[in-house]
Amino acid sequence: MRNFFFLFLVPAVLLLAGCGFSPESAIVCVQLDPLEKVYTEESYFVENPETAAVAKGETATFQFVVRSAFQIQDLKVEAGNLVNGDRQIAPTLKAFVAYIRAGKHAGDRAGTDINPGIRSRDAMLPPSDYYPDCLQEVETVDVAPMHNQPVWVAYTVPRDVPDGDYEATLVFTGKIDGKPIRITKKVTARVYPVVLPEQTLWVTQWYSTGFAKMNNGEPVEAYSDRYWELYTELAHSMRDHGSNVYLVGGPSVQADGMQYTFDFTRFDELVEFLIREGGLKRIAGPHLAGRPRGDFGWEDDFEVYVPRVGIRPLSNDTVRNYLSQYLTAIYNHLETKGWTSMYMQHIADEPIDQNAASYSRIAEFVKKYMPGVPVVDAIMSRKLANTVDIWVPLLSQYHKEYPFYQERQAAGDEVWYYTCVVPQGNYANRFLEQPLGQTRFLHWINYRYGATGYLHWGYNHWHFDKTNDASALGETWEGGEAWIAYPAYGKVYSSIRLEAMRDGLADYELLKLLDKKSPDKAKELAASVIRDFDLYNNNVRAFRLTRLELLKALSE
């Protein structure tokens, strides 16, 4: 039977304090499912000491909440190895969850055709407007009286360990009024005789290399030793959480009249770095065109970017001269490096019906000089059939036009999908106010509806004002929109959303594995979680049972 906990009232504790009580008696330390968000307003928790069920290659995650009537100084968690006989698995993450102010929410904006401005039925909006998110990897924290401090400990399971039950001991230490406290907890993980396949889902998350936020606010010179040091931290964070397609800028350009020369030194350096450190499997070439007036001219025809000239229509002789030389140079260079099969080309972001024709003209020009290279973009128009090769519609558009995208797949095209500020309403996304499971469900949607990739623009577009203050979330975007990782000095912190997304990618691969063995069973399990594109079973207990059923089906 589960144990029920609530924090007793301060007066009762003060009475006990006068009777020589032990400091530990003033503390609640409760294990919770890591898909449960712990809000600052909560004071009642249900212990959930259930075994984490994982495949080999997955991550077993455990969450605790610590709360006390008195301030706790120097709260620390010491995590022992998961042990099964003589086999041990060391912890890969120990972190204190930091609370983040959302500021702006999905559904706050005025309604548009793309975004109806509807609040999700599943949104959770605590009065404080603070949400658990950032996983701060620090040795100790102080916990204010009557304050919740979630703690995460995770173990990445090697692919070659024996299956079976593993147990670890966690020790929470600190001080209350100068007196030491020590609380010991046990956690267990069951490793099933299933090996997580290598990732096949394509994931691209656009990112920033403005590394000042990782350097105490000090600018970092491009290509300096410090630059590559910080870039490595970012690349590892992205790789370890599933990114395998990277948007890479083109070569440097020099002009001599109408003749251009292209230097691929930095291009090669970056691609080779991302292959080595970032898990790069496919290269996405930069957008060649855009709207002359940006978002203020949403229906404008697309024009091409030309160095030191600006943005001009494709009909311009200067544009055609430059673009033909650029495309020829990069195609020949890719051939020389053996990267042609890895390369895809962006044309322009989010074409709509009104400018689809201009997009098509540019894409046709590109394909003339880069035969066999697929065109990829976030797409808002069906008029680009036989032009686009990798379609990336909004999740809501994918929903509404699903038969069309099935036709494109049948014709040999790839279909991914993307989320960003939109869709809102009841669609899964990465917003702070959504249930944590919905970030994980993004990749159950991939499996359920056959999309083979996912794109998001905001891995680390950090724009808060306070240097290295992860709680100073800006209000420019909906909470959680612009980044899913956080900066610290010399490192990148994960978030509970990023961990959930990583786990969703693993779920996708396990569902695909079961699909080869028992497609009906795999589809049944996916449909029990994803009822429709915008309707999900958010019950955490039900999800865990479905996951368990998935692992058992793969183990048979």
Protein backbone atom coordinates (compact mmCIF):
# COMPACT_ATOMS: atom_id res chain seq x y z
CA MET A 1 0.00 0.00 0.00
CA ARG A 2 1.21 3.48 -0.80
CA ASN A 3 2.12 5.80 2.05
CA PHE A 4 0.42 9.18 2.27
CA PHE A 5 2.39 12.24 3.37
CA PHE A 6 1.54 15.78 4.20
CA LEU A 7 3.60 18.42 5.93
CA PHE A 8 2.43 19.06 9.45
CA LEU A 9 1.76 22.58 10.60
CA VAL A 10 4.58 24.78 11.83
CA PRO A 11 3.19 25.18 15.38
CA ALA A 12 3.22 21.42 15.88
CA VAL A 13 6.81 21.25 14.76
CA LEU A 14 7.81 24.08 17.06
CA LEU A 15 6.21 22.21 19.93
CA LEU A 16 8.23 19.10 19.06
CA ALA A 17 11.36 21.25 18.79
CA GLY A 18 11.02 22.09 22.45
CA CYS A 19 10.84 18.37 23.28
CA GLY A 20 14.16 17.46 21.69
CA PHE A 21 12.89 16.09 18.37
CA SER A 22 15.29 14.84 15.68
CA PRO A 23 15.78 17.17 12.70
CA GLU A 24 14.76 14.40 10.27
CA SER A 25 11.26 14.37 11.77
CA ALA A 26 10.70 17.86 10.35
CA ILE A 27 11.40 16.73 6.79
CA VAL A 28 9.27 15.16 4.12
CA CYS A 29 11.32 13.25 1.53
CA VAL A 30 9.00 11.49 -0.89
CA GLN A 31 9.65 9.62 -4.14
CA LEU A 32 7.41 10.68 -7.03
CA ASP A 33 7.11 9.64 -10.65
CA PRO A 34 9.44 11.86 -12.72
CA LEU A 35 6.54 12.70 -15.05
CA GLU A 36 4.78 14.41 -12.14
CA LYS A 37 5.50 18.13 -11.89
CA VAL A 38 5.98 19.36 -8.34
CA TYR A 39 4.53 22.85 -7.99
CA THR A 40 5.56 25.37 -5.37
CA GLU A 41 2.00 25.51 -4.02
CA GLU A 42 1.76 21.79 -3.19
CA SER A 43 2.09 20.42 0.33
CA TYR A 44 0.55 16.95 -0.05
CA PHE A 45 2.39 14.14 -1.79
CA VAL A 46 1.76 10.47 -2.45
CA GLU A 47 4.84 8.27 -2.19
CA ASN A 48 5.47 6.36 -5.41
CA PRO A 49 8.39 3.97 -4.83
CA GLU A 50 7.72 1.95 -7.97
CA THR A 51 10.49 0.30 -9.93
CA ALA A 52 11.70 2.13 -13.04
CA ALA A 53 11.21 -0.17 -16.05
CA VAL A 54 13.74 0.36 -18.83
CA ALA A 55 15.34 -1.24 -21.85
CA LYS A 56 19.11 -1.48 -22.17
CA GLY A 57 20.30 1.85 -23.53
CA GLU A 58 17.52 3.85 -21.86
CA THR A 59 17.72 6.13 -18.83
CA ALA A 60 16.15 5.22 -15.49
CA THR A 61 15.08 8.42 -13.73
CA PHE A 62 13.99 8.95 -10.12
CA GLN A 63 12.41 12.04 -8.59
CA PHE A 64 12.11 13.01 -4.94
CA VAL A 65 10.61 16.06 -3.30
CA VAL A 66 12.16 17.41 -0.10
CA ARG A 67 10.20 19.80 2.12
CA SER A 68 10.64 21.03 5.68
CA ALA A 69 9.05 23.38 8.17
CA PHE A 70 12.53 24.78 8.82
CA GLN A 71 15.20 26.01 6.47
CA ILE A 72 17.54 23.28 5.27
CA GLN A 73 21.11 24.37 4.70
CA ASP A 74 23.37 22.60 2.23
CA LEU A 75 20.93 19.95 1.07
CA LYS A 76 22.92 17.36 -0.81
CA VAL A 77 22.13 14.03 -2.46
CA GLU A 78 24.68 11.25 -2.68
CA ALA A 79 23.62 8.67 -5.26
CA GLY A 80 25.08 5.21 -5.11
CA ASN A 81 25.41 2.94 -8.12
CA LEU A 82 22.54 0.75 -9.28
CA VAL A 83 23.72 -2.73 -8.30
CA ASN A 84 22.81 -6.22 -9.48
CA GLY A 85 25.31 -8.77 -8.22
CA ASP A 86 28.71 -7.70 -9.48
CA ARG A 87 27.28 -5.36 -12.14
CA GLN A 88 26.94 -1.69 -11.31
CA ILE A 89 25.53 1.32 -13.16
CA ALA A 90 26.83 4.72 -12.08
CA PRO A 91 24.51 7.75 -11.92
CA THR A 92 24.71 10.05 -14.93
CA LEU A 93 22.66 12.93 -13.53
CA LYS A 94 22.15 14.40 -10.06
CA ALA A 95 20.27 17.69 -10.07
CA PHE A 96 18.04 20.01 -8.09
CA VAL A 97 15.02 21.20 -10.05
CA ALA A 98 14.80 25.00 -10.30
CA TYR A 99 11.50 26.82 -10.69
CA ILE A 100 10.99 29.00 -13.75
CA ARG A 101 8.51 31.82 -14.20
CA ALA A 102 6.50 31.39 -17.38
CA GLY A 103 5.47 35.01 -17.90
CA LYS A 104 3.51 34.36 -21.08
CA HIS A 105 1.34 31.34 -21.81
CA ALA A 106 -0.02 29.46 -24.79
CA GLY A 107 -3.46 30.87 -25.48
CA ASP A 108 -2.58 34.41 -24.31
CA ARG A 109 -2.15 35.80 -27.82
CA ALA A 110 -4.98 37.08 -29.98
CA GLY A 111 -6.44 34.41 -32.23
CA THR A 112 -5.24 33.91 -35.82
CA ASP A 113 -5.83 31.28 -38.51
CA ILE A 114 -2.65 29.48 -37.43
CA ASN A 115 -3.11 30.05 -33.70
CA PRO A 116 -6.72 30.30 -32.53
CA GLY A 117 -5.64 31.65 -29.13
CA ILE A 118 -7.30 28.82 -27.23
CA ARG A 119 -5.98 27.59 -23.89
CA SER A 120 -5.27 23.86 -23.73
CA ARG A 121 -7.76 21.78 -21.79
CA ASP A 122 -4.73 20.18 -20.13
CA ALA A 123 -2.94 23.39 -19.11
CA MET A 124 -1.80 23.56 -15.49
CA LEU A 125 -1.52 27.16 -14.27
CA PRO A 126 -0.33 27.47 -10.66
CA PRO A 127 -1.09 30.80 -8.96
CA SER A 128 2.61 31.62 -8.57
CA ASP A 129 3.23 31.18 -12.32
CA TYR A 130 6.42 29.26 -11.44
CA TYR A 131 7.09 25.86 -12.97
CA PRO A 132 9.67 23.16 -12.22
CA ASP A 133 12.03 22.87 -15.19
CA CYS A 134 15.78 23.58 -15.01
CA LEU A 135 17.95 20.70 -13.76
CA GLN A 136 20.70 22.49 -11.86
CA GLU A 137 23.71 20.23 -11.38
CA VAL A 138 25.10 21.81 -8.22
CA GLU A 139 26.49 20.11 -5.12
CA THR A 140 24.12 21.66 -2.59
CA VAL A 141 21.15 23.99 -2.27
CA ASP A 142 19.47 25.74 0.63
CA VAL A 143 15.75 25.01 0.94
CA ALA A 144 13.51 27.68 2.43
CA PRO A 145 10.90 26.71 5.04
CA MET A 146 7.70 25.26 3.55
CA HIS A 147 9.33 25.19 0.12
CA ASN A 148 9.33 22.20 -2.23
CA GLN A 149 12.69 21.09 -3.61
CA PRO A 150 12.41 18.41 -6.29
CA VAL A 151 15.54 16.29 -6.78
CA TRP A 152 16.38 14.23 -9.87
CA VAL A 153 18.75 11.29 -10.10
CA ALA A 154 19.18 9.38 -13.36
CA TYR A 155 21.12 6.37 -14.58
CA THR A 156 21.81 5.70 -18.26
CA VAL A 157 21.77 1.93 -18.67
CA PRO A 158 24.56 0.52 -20.88
CA ARG A 159 23.42 -1.64 -23.76
CA ASP A 160 25.55 -4.58 -22.65
CA VAL A 161 24.47 -5.04 -19.00
CA PRO A 162 22.57 -8.14 -17.88
CA ASP A 163 18.84 -7.72 -17.49
CA GLY A 164 17.32 -7.96 -14.04
CA ASP A 165 16.59 -5.85 -10.98
CA TYR A 166 19.07 -3.21 -9.85
CA GLU A 167 19.01 -1.30 -6.57
CA ALA A 168 20.71 1.92 -5.48
CA THR A 169 20.91 3.84 -2.23
CA LEU A 170 20.37 7.60 -2.16
CA VAL A 171 21.46 9.58 0.87
CA PHE A 172 20.07 13.08 1.50
CA THR A 173 22.14 15.19 3.90
CA GLY A 174 22.11 18.75 5.14
CA LYS A 175 21.59 20.79 8.29
CA ILE A 176 18.65 22.27 10.17
CA ASP A 177 19.57 24.93 12.70
CA GLY A 178 23.14 23.65 12.61
CA LYS A 179 22.12 20.05 13.35
CA PRO A 180 23.00 17.45 10.69
CA ILE A 181 20.27 15.53 8.91
CA ARG A 182 20.58 12.28 7.01
CA ILE A 183 17.81 10.45 5.17
CA THR A 184 18.39 7.22 3.25
CA LYS A 185 16.21 6.05 0.38
CA LYS A 186 16.30 3.00 -1.88
CA VAL A 187 15.43 3.05 -5.59
CA THR A 188 15.09 0.12 -7.97
CA ALA A 189 15.23 -0.29 -11.73
CA ARG A 190 14.23 -3.35 -13.73
CA VAL A 191 16.27 -3.76 -16.89
CA TYR A 192 14.38 -5.79 -19.49
CA PRO A 193 16.02 -8.10 -22.05
CA VAL A 194 15.46 -5.49 -24.76
CA VAL A 195 18.14 -3.33 -26.37
CA LEU A 196 17.15 0.18 -27.43
CA PRO A 197 17.90 0.49 -31.17
CA GLU A 198 20.06 3.28 -32.50
CA GLN A 199 18.00 6.38 -33.22
CA THR A 200 16.29 6.49 -36.61
CA LEU A 201 13.99 9.47 -36.04
CA TRP A 202 15.40 12.67 -37.53
CA VAL A 203 15.56 15.50 -34.98
CA THR A 204 16.72 19.03 -35.69
CA GLN A 205 16.66 21.83 -33.14
CA TRP A 206 17.98 25.21 -34.21
CA TYR A 207 20.42 26.66 -31.75
CA SER A 208 22.52 29.70 -30.92
CA THR A 209 26.29 29.98 -30.51
CA GLY A 210 26.12 33.20 -28.54
CA PHE A 211 28.00 31.73 -25.61
CA ALA A 212 28.14 34.75 -23.27
CA LYS A 213 25.45 33.19 -21.06
CA MET A 214 27.84 30.26 -20.50
CA ASN A 215 30.75 32.61 -19.76
CA ASN A 216 29.54 34.85 -16.92
CA GLY A 217 28.12 37.29 -19.44
CA GLU A 218 31.47 37.89 -21.14
CA PRO A 219 31.51 37.71 -24.96
CA VAL A 220 33.29 34.70 -26.45
CA GLU A 221 35.42 35.21 -29.55
CA ALA A 222 34.32 32.98 -32.42
CA TYR A 223 36.63 30.02 -33.09
CA SER A 224 38.74 30.70 -29.99
CA ASP A 225 39.69 27.86 -27.66
CA ARG A 226 36.96 28.98 -25.25
CA TYR A 227 34.44 29.04 -28.10
CA TRP A 228 35.13 25.40 -29.00
CA GLU A 229 35.16 24.41 -25.33
CA LEU A 230 31.67 25.83 -24.81
CA TYR A 231 30.46 24.59 -28.19
CA THR A 232 31.50 21.07 -27.15
CA GLU A 233 29.33 21.31 -24.03
CA LEU A 234 26.37 22.44 -26.13
CA ALA A 235 26.97 19.77 -28.79
CA HIS A 236 27.12 17.02 -26.16
CA SER A 237 23.86 18.23 -24.63
CA MET A 238 22.16 18.19 -28.02
CA ARG A 239 23.63 14.83 -29.04
CA ASP A 240 22.73 13.16 -25.75
CA HIS A 241 19.14 14.32 -26.12
CA GLY A 242 18.57 13.18 -29.67
CA SER A 243 19.64 15.91 -32.10
CA ASN A 244 21.10 14.36 -35.26
CA VAL A 245 20.32 16.92 -37.99
CA TYR A 246 22.13 20.27 -37.74
CA LEU A 247 21.55 23.54 -39.55
CA VAL A 248 25.02 24.53 -40.81
CA GLY A 249 25.96 27.85 -42.42
CA GLY A 250 27.59 27.94 -45.84
CA PRO A 251 31.16 28.79 -46.86
CA SER A 252 32.68 32.26 -46.57
CA VAL A 253 32.36 34.25 -49.79
CA GLN A 254 34.67 36.66 -51.61
CA ALA A 255 33.56 38.65 -54.66
CA ASP A 256 35.68 39.96 -57.52
CA GLY A 257 33.22 41.70 -59.79
CA MET A 258 30.79 39.02 -60.96
CA GLN A 259 33.13 36.18 -59.97
CA TYR A 260 32.88 34.58 -56.53
CA THR A 261 35.24 32.37 -54.58
CA PHE A 262 34.18 30.19 -51.66
CA ASP A 263 36.25 29.15 -48.67
CA PHE A 264 35.01 25.95 -46.99
CA THR A 265 37.55 25.89 -44.17
CA ARG A 266 35.14 26.87 -41.41
CA PHE A 267 32.30 24.86 -42.98
CA ASP A 268 34.42 21.71 -42.92
CA GLU A 269 35.64 22.43 -39.40
CA LEU A 270 32.08 22.77 -38.12
CA VAL A 271 30.68 19.72 -39.92
CA GLU A 272 33.56 17.54 -38.74
CA PHE A 273 33.15 18.90 -35.20
CA LEU A 274 29.40 18.16 -35.18
CA ILE A 275 29.95 14.65 -36.53
CA ARG A 276 32.49 14.02 -33.80
CA GLU A 277 30.82 15.80 -30.86
CA GLY A 278 27.18 16.39 -31.80
CA GLY A 279 26.03 13.12 -33.34
CA LEU A 280 25.42 14.76 -36.73
CA LYS A 281 23.95 12.37 -39.31
CA ARG A 282 22.49 14.86 -41.80
CA ILE A 283 23.49 18.41 -42.74
CA ALA A 284 20.81 21.05 -43.33
CA GLY A 285 22.06 23.83 -45.58
CA PRO A 286 21.09 27.42 -44.64
CA HIS A 287 17.97 29.15 -45.95
CA LEU A 288 18.76 30.78 -49.30
CA ALA A 289 15.78 33.11 -49.45
CA GLY A 290 13.32 35.04 -47.32
CA ARG A 291 10.53 37.58 -47.31
CA PRO A 292 11.88 41.08 -48.12
CA ARG A 293 9.87 42.64 -45.28
CA GLY A 294 10.15 39.70 -42.91
CA ASP A 295 7.00 38.84 -40.98
CA PHE A 296 5.55 42.25 -41.85
CA GLY A 297 5.25 41.02 -45.43
CA TRP A 298 4.04 37.52 -44.72
CA GLU A 299 2.52 37.12 -48.20
CA ASP A 300 5.48 38.65 -50.07
CA ASP A 301 7.23 36.62 -52.74
CA PHE A 302 10.52 35.12 -51.63
CA GLU A 303 13.79 36.70 -52.69
CA VAL A 304 17.36 35.40 -52.51
CA TYR A 305 20.08 36.57 -50.10
CA VAL A 306 23.24 37.75 -51.91
CA PRO A 307 26.35 38.71 -49.87
CA ARG A 308 27.02 42.47 -49.83
CA VAL A 309 24.04 43.02 -52.14
CA GLY A 310 21.06 42.16 -49.96
CA ILE A 311 17.87 40.36 -50.80
CA ARG A 312 16.73 40.40 -54.44
CA PRO A 313 14.27 38.46 -56.65
CA LEU A 314 15.50 35.43 -58.55
CA SER A 315 14.85 37.23 -61.84
CA ASN A 316 17.74 39.59 -61.02
CA ASP A 317 20.87 38.75 -63.07
CA THR A 318 23.16 39.34 -60.08
CA VAL A 319 21.15 36.85 -58.03
CA ARG A 320 21.22 34.17 -60.72
CA ASN A 321 24.93 34.65 -61.27
CA TYR A 322 25.74 34.41 -57.57
CA LEU A 323 23.40 31.54 -56.82
CA SER A 324 24.61 29.42 -59.73
CA GLN A 325 28.22 29.80 -58.55
CA TYR A 326 27.35 29.16 -54.90
CA LEU A 327 25.31 26.03 -55.62
CA THR A 328 27.93 24.61 -57.97
CA ALA A 329 30.70 25.22 -55.44
CA ILE A 330 28.92 23.66 -52.50
CA TYR A 331 27.71 20.67 -54.51
CA ASN A 332 31.21 19.95 -55.81
CA HIS A 333 32.64 20.34 -52.32
CA LEU A 334 30.10 17.95 -50.83
CA GLU A 335 31.00 15.42 -53.51
CA THR A 336 34.70 15.79 -52.69
CA LYS A 337 34.07 15.30 -48.95
CA GLY A 338 31.64 12.40 -49.43
CA TRP A 339 28.85 14.35 -47.72
CA THR A 340 26.37 14.67 -50.58
CA SER A 341 24.08 11.91 -49.29
CA MET A 342 24.00 13.64 -45.86
CA TYR A 343 23.05 17.05 -47.23
CA MET A 344 19.61 18.65 -47.54
CA GLN A 345 18.87 22.21 -48.59
CA HIS A 346 16.57 24.80 -47.02
CA ILE A 347 15.06 27.30 -49.47
CA ALA A 348 12.92 29.61 -47.30
CA ASP A 349 11.05 29.25 -44.04
CA GLU A 350 7.30 28.62 -43.90
CA PRO A 351 6.07 29.24 -47.45
CA ILE A 352 2.30 29.77 -47.75
CA ASP A 353 -0.07 29.58 -50.73
CA GLN A 354 0.46 33.23 -51.62
CA ASN A 355 4.22 32.87 -52.15
CA ALA A 356 4.46 29.18 -53.05
CA ALA A 357 5.14 29.99 -56.72
CA SER A 358 8.18 32.13 -55.89
CA TYR A 359 9.44 29.38 -53.58
CA SER A 360 9.04 26.80 -56.37
CA ARG A 361 11.04 28.91 -58.84
CA ILE A 362 13.96 29.18 -56.44
CA ALA A 363 13.78 25.47 -55.57
CA GLU A 364 13.80 24.49 -59.23
CA PHE A 365 16.86 26.66 -59.79
CA VAL A 366 18.59 24.98 -56.83
CA LYS A 367 17.81 21.47 -58.04
CA LYS A 368 19.29 22.27 -61.44
CA TYR A 369 22.69 22.76 -59.81
CA MET A 370 22.33 20.24 -56.98
CA PRO A 371 20.81 17.08 -58.50
CA GLY A 372 19.64 14.56 -55.97
CA VAL A 373 19.90 16.91 -52.99
CA PRO A 374 16.52 16.99 -51.18
CA VAL A 375 14.75 20.26 -50.42
CA VAL A 376 13.52 20.58 -46.82
CA ASP A 377 11.53 23.28 -45.08
CA ALA A 378 8.83 24.07 -42.61
CA ILE A 379 5.91 24.17 -45.04
CA MET A 380 2.49 25.84 -44.86
CA SER A 381 1.28 25.16 -48.41
CA ARG A 382 0.25 22.04 -50.31
CA LYS A 383 1.03 23.78 -53.60
CA LEU A 384 4.65 22.62 -53.37
CA ALA A 385 4.07 19.00 -54.36
CA ASN A 386 6.89 17.81 -56.64
CA THR A 387 9.02 20.68 -55.32
CA VAL A 388 9.61 19.84 -51.65
CA ASP A 389 11.23 16.48 -50.82
CA ILE A 390 11.13 16.64 -47.01
CA TRP A 391 7.88 18.17 -45.79
CA VAL A 392 7.82 19.67 -42.30
CA PRO A 393 4.27 20.91 -41.59
CA LEU A 394 3.04 22.26 -38.28
CA LEU A 395 1.56 19.54 -36.10
CA SER A 396 -1.88 21.12 -36.50
CA GLN A 397 -1.48 21.29 -40.27
CA TYR A 398 -0.29 17.68 -40.33
CA HIS A 399 -3.49 16.83 -38.48
CA LYS A 400 -5.86 18.74 -40.75
CA GLU A 401 -4.22 17.62 -44.00
CA TYR A 402 -3.12 14.15 -42.99
CA PRO A 403 -4.34 12.36 -46.17
CA PHE A 404 -2.26 14.75 -48.31
CA TYR A 405 0.91 13.96 -46.34
CA GLN A 406 0.22 10.26 -46.58
CA GLU A 407 0.05 10.75 -50.35
CA ARG A 408 3.39 12.54 -50.32
CA GLN A 409 4.97 9.65 -48.40
CA ALA A 410 3.49 7.18 -50.88
CA ALA A 411 5.11 9.25 -53.66
CA GLY A 412 8.51 8.86 -51.97
CA ASP A 413 8.77 12.11 -50.01
CA GLU A 414 9.73 12.29 -46.34
CA VAL A 415 7.27 13.84 -43.89
CA TRP A 416 8.35 15.27 -40.54
CA TYR A 417 6.45 17.83 -38.46
CA TYR A 418 7.31 20.80 -36.28
CA THR A 419 6.08 22.75 -33.30
CA CYS A 420 7.06 26.25 -32.22
CA VAL A 421 4.94 29.07 -30.80
CA VAL A 422 2.18 27.16 -32.54
CA PRO A 423 0.20 25.00 -32.53
CA GLN A 424 -1.43 25.91 -29.27
CA GLY A 425 -4.85 24.86 -28.02
CA ASN A 426 -4.92 21.17 -27.19
CA TYR A 427 -1.89 20.11 -29.25
CA ALA A 428 1.19 18.67 -27.57
CA ASN A 429 4.13 21.04 -27.45
CA ARG A 430 6.96 22.00 -25.09
CA PHE A 431 5.31 24.78 -23.09
CA LEU A 432 5.91 24.95 -19.35
CA GLU A 433 2.23 24.82 -18.44
CA GLN A 434 1.54 21.56 -20.29
CA PRO A 435 1.72 18.20 -18.54
CA LEU A 436 5.28 16.92 -18.80
CA GLY A 437 4.06 13.82 -20.57
CA GLN A 438 2.99 15.86 -23.59
CA THR A 439 6.59 16.75 -24.40
CA ARG A 440 7.32 13.03 -24.33
CA PHE A 441 4.20 12.30 -26.39
CA LEU A 442 5.52 14.35 -29.31
CA HIS A 443 7.37 11.27 -30.48
CA TRP A 444 4.51 8.89 -29.81
CA ILE A 445 2.72 11.14 -32.32
CA ASN A 446 5.64 10.55 -34.69
CA TYR A 447 5.06 6.81 -34.46
CA ARG A 448 1.25 6.85 -34.42
CA TYR A 449 0.98 8.93 -37.60
CA GLY A 450 4.15 7.93 -39.44
CA ALA A 451 6.16 11.18 -39.36
CA THR A 452 9.88 10.35 -39.52
CA GLY A 453 11.32 13.59 -38.16
CA TYR A 454 10.76 16.50 -35.79
CA LEU A 455 11.90 20.14 -35.93
CA HIS A 456 11.91 22.88 -33.32
CA TRP A 457 13.63 26.25 -33.62
CA GLY A 458 14.45 26.86 -29.95
CA TYR A 459 17.08 24.72 -28.24
CA ASN A 460 18.98 27.53 -26.50
CA HIS A 461 17.91 30.99 -27.64
CA TRP A 462 18.57 32.41 -24.19
CA HIS A 463 17.35 36.00 -23.84
CA PHE A 464 16.75 36.56 -20.13
CA ASP A 465 18.47 39.55 -18.61
CA LYS A 466 20.27 38.25 -15.53
CA THR A 467 23.55 36.57 -16.34
CA ASN A 468 23.39 32.84 -15.64
CA ASP A 469 20.08 33.21 -13.76
CA ALA A 470 17.95 30.36 -15.04
CA SER A 471 14.87 31.66 -13.18
CA ALA A 472 14.82 34.97 -15.09
CA LEU A 473 12.78 33.61 -17.96
CA GLY A 474 11.94 36.32 -20.45
CA GLU A 475 8.41 37.16 -21.53
CA THR A 476 9.04 37.55 -25.26
CA TRP A 477 7.80 34.04 -26.00
CA GLU A 478 5.42 31.61 -24.39
CA GLY A 479 7.08 29.96 -21.39
CA GLY A 480 9.44 27.23 -22.54
CA GLU A 481 9.28 28.18 -26.21
CA ALA A 482 12.70 29.69 -26.88
CA TRP A 483 14.83 27.13 -25.06
CA ILE A 484 14.68 23.68 -23.55
CA ALA A 485 18.20 23.76 -22.04
CA TYR A 486 19.77 26.29 -19.67
CA PRO A 487 23.20 27.95 -19.39
CA ALA A 488 25.64 27.75 -16.52
CA TYR A 489 29.27 28.75 -16.36
CA GLY A 490 31.08 26.45 -18.75
CA LYS A 491 28.20 24.02 -19.06
CA VAL A 492 24.64 23.40 -20.22
CA TYR A 493 21.92 22.28 -17.83
CA SER A 494 19.17 19.99 -19.03
CA SER A 495 15.50 20.46 -18.13
CA ILE A 496 12.76 18.08 -17.13
CA ARG A 497 11.20 18.82 -20.54
CA LEU A 498 14.41 17.93 -22.37
CA GLU A 499 14.70 14.69 -20.40
CA ALA A 500 11.08 13.87 -21.27
CA MET A 501 11.74 14.56 -24.94
CA ARG A 502 14.78 12.26 -24.88
CA ASP A 503 12.67 9.52 -23.31
CA GLY A 504 10.01 10.06 -25.98
CA LEU A 505 12.62 9.44 -28.67
CA ALA A 506 13.45 6.14 -26.97
CA ASP A 507 9.74 5.27 -26.86
CA TYR A 508 9.54 5.90 -30.61
CA GLU A 509 12.37 3.47 -31.34
CA LEU A 510 10.86 0.80 -29.07
CA LEU A 511 7.48 1.19 -30.76
CA LYS A 512 9.18 0.85 -34.15
CA LEU A 513 10.96 -2.26 -32.88
CA LEU A 514 7.67 -3.78 -31.72
CA ASP A 515 6.09 -2.77 -35.04
CA LYS A 516 8.45 -5.20 -36.80
CA LYS A 517 7.43 -8.00 -34.46
CA SER A 518 3.76 -7.28 -33.81
CA PRO A 519 2.49 -4.21 -35.69
CA ASP A 520 -1.05 -4.51 -34.37
CA LYS A 521 0.19 -4.54 -30.78
CA ALA A 522 2.45 -1.54 -31.35
CA LYS A 523 -0.38 0.44 -32.91
CA GLU A 524 -2.73 -0.54 -30.09
CA LEU A 525 -0.30 0.72 -27.45
CA ALA A 526 0.34 3.98 -29.30
CA ALA A 527 -3.39 4.59 -29.75
CA SER A 528 -3.96 4.08 -26.00
CA VAL A 529 -1.74 7.11 -25.35
CA ILE A 530 -2.36 9.21 -28.48
CA ARG A 531 -6.12 9.14 -28.99
CA ASP A 532 -5.89 11.75 -31.74
CA PHE A 533 -3.44 14.39 -32.93
CA ASP A 534 -4.69 16.70 -30.17
CA LEU A 535 -6.15 14.28 -27.62
CA TYR A 536 -3.94 12.34 -25.18
CA ASN A 537 -4.23 10.11 -22.16
CA ASN A 538 -2.30 12.23 -19.65
CA ASN A 539 -2.71 9.84 -16.73
CA VAL A 540 0.83 9.09 -15.55
CA ARG A 541 -0.08 5.72 -14.03
CA ALA A 542 -1.81 4.62 -17.24
CA PHE A 543 1.23 5.67 -19.25
CA ARG A 544 3.59 3.66 -17.05
CA LEU A 545 1.41 0.58 -17.50
CA THR A 546 1.48 1.07 -21.27
CA ARG A 547 5.26 1.43 -21.21
CA LEU A 548 5.51 -1.75 -19.14
CA GLU A 549 3.32 -3.56 -21.63
CA LEU A 550 5.59 -2.35 -24.43
CA LEU A 551 8.70 -3.72 -22.72
CA LYS A 552 7.02 -7.03 -21.88
CA ALA A 553 5.81 -7.45 -25.46
CA LEU A 554 9.35 -6.88 -26.71
CA SER A 555 10.73 -9.33 -24.15
CA GLU A 556 8.56 -12.26 -25.23
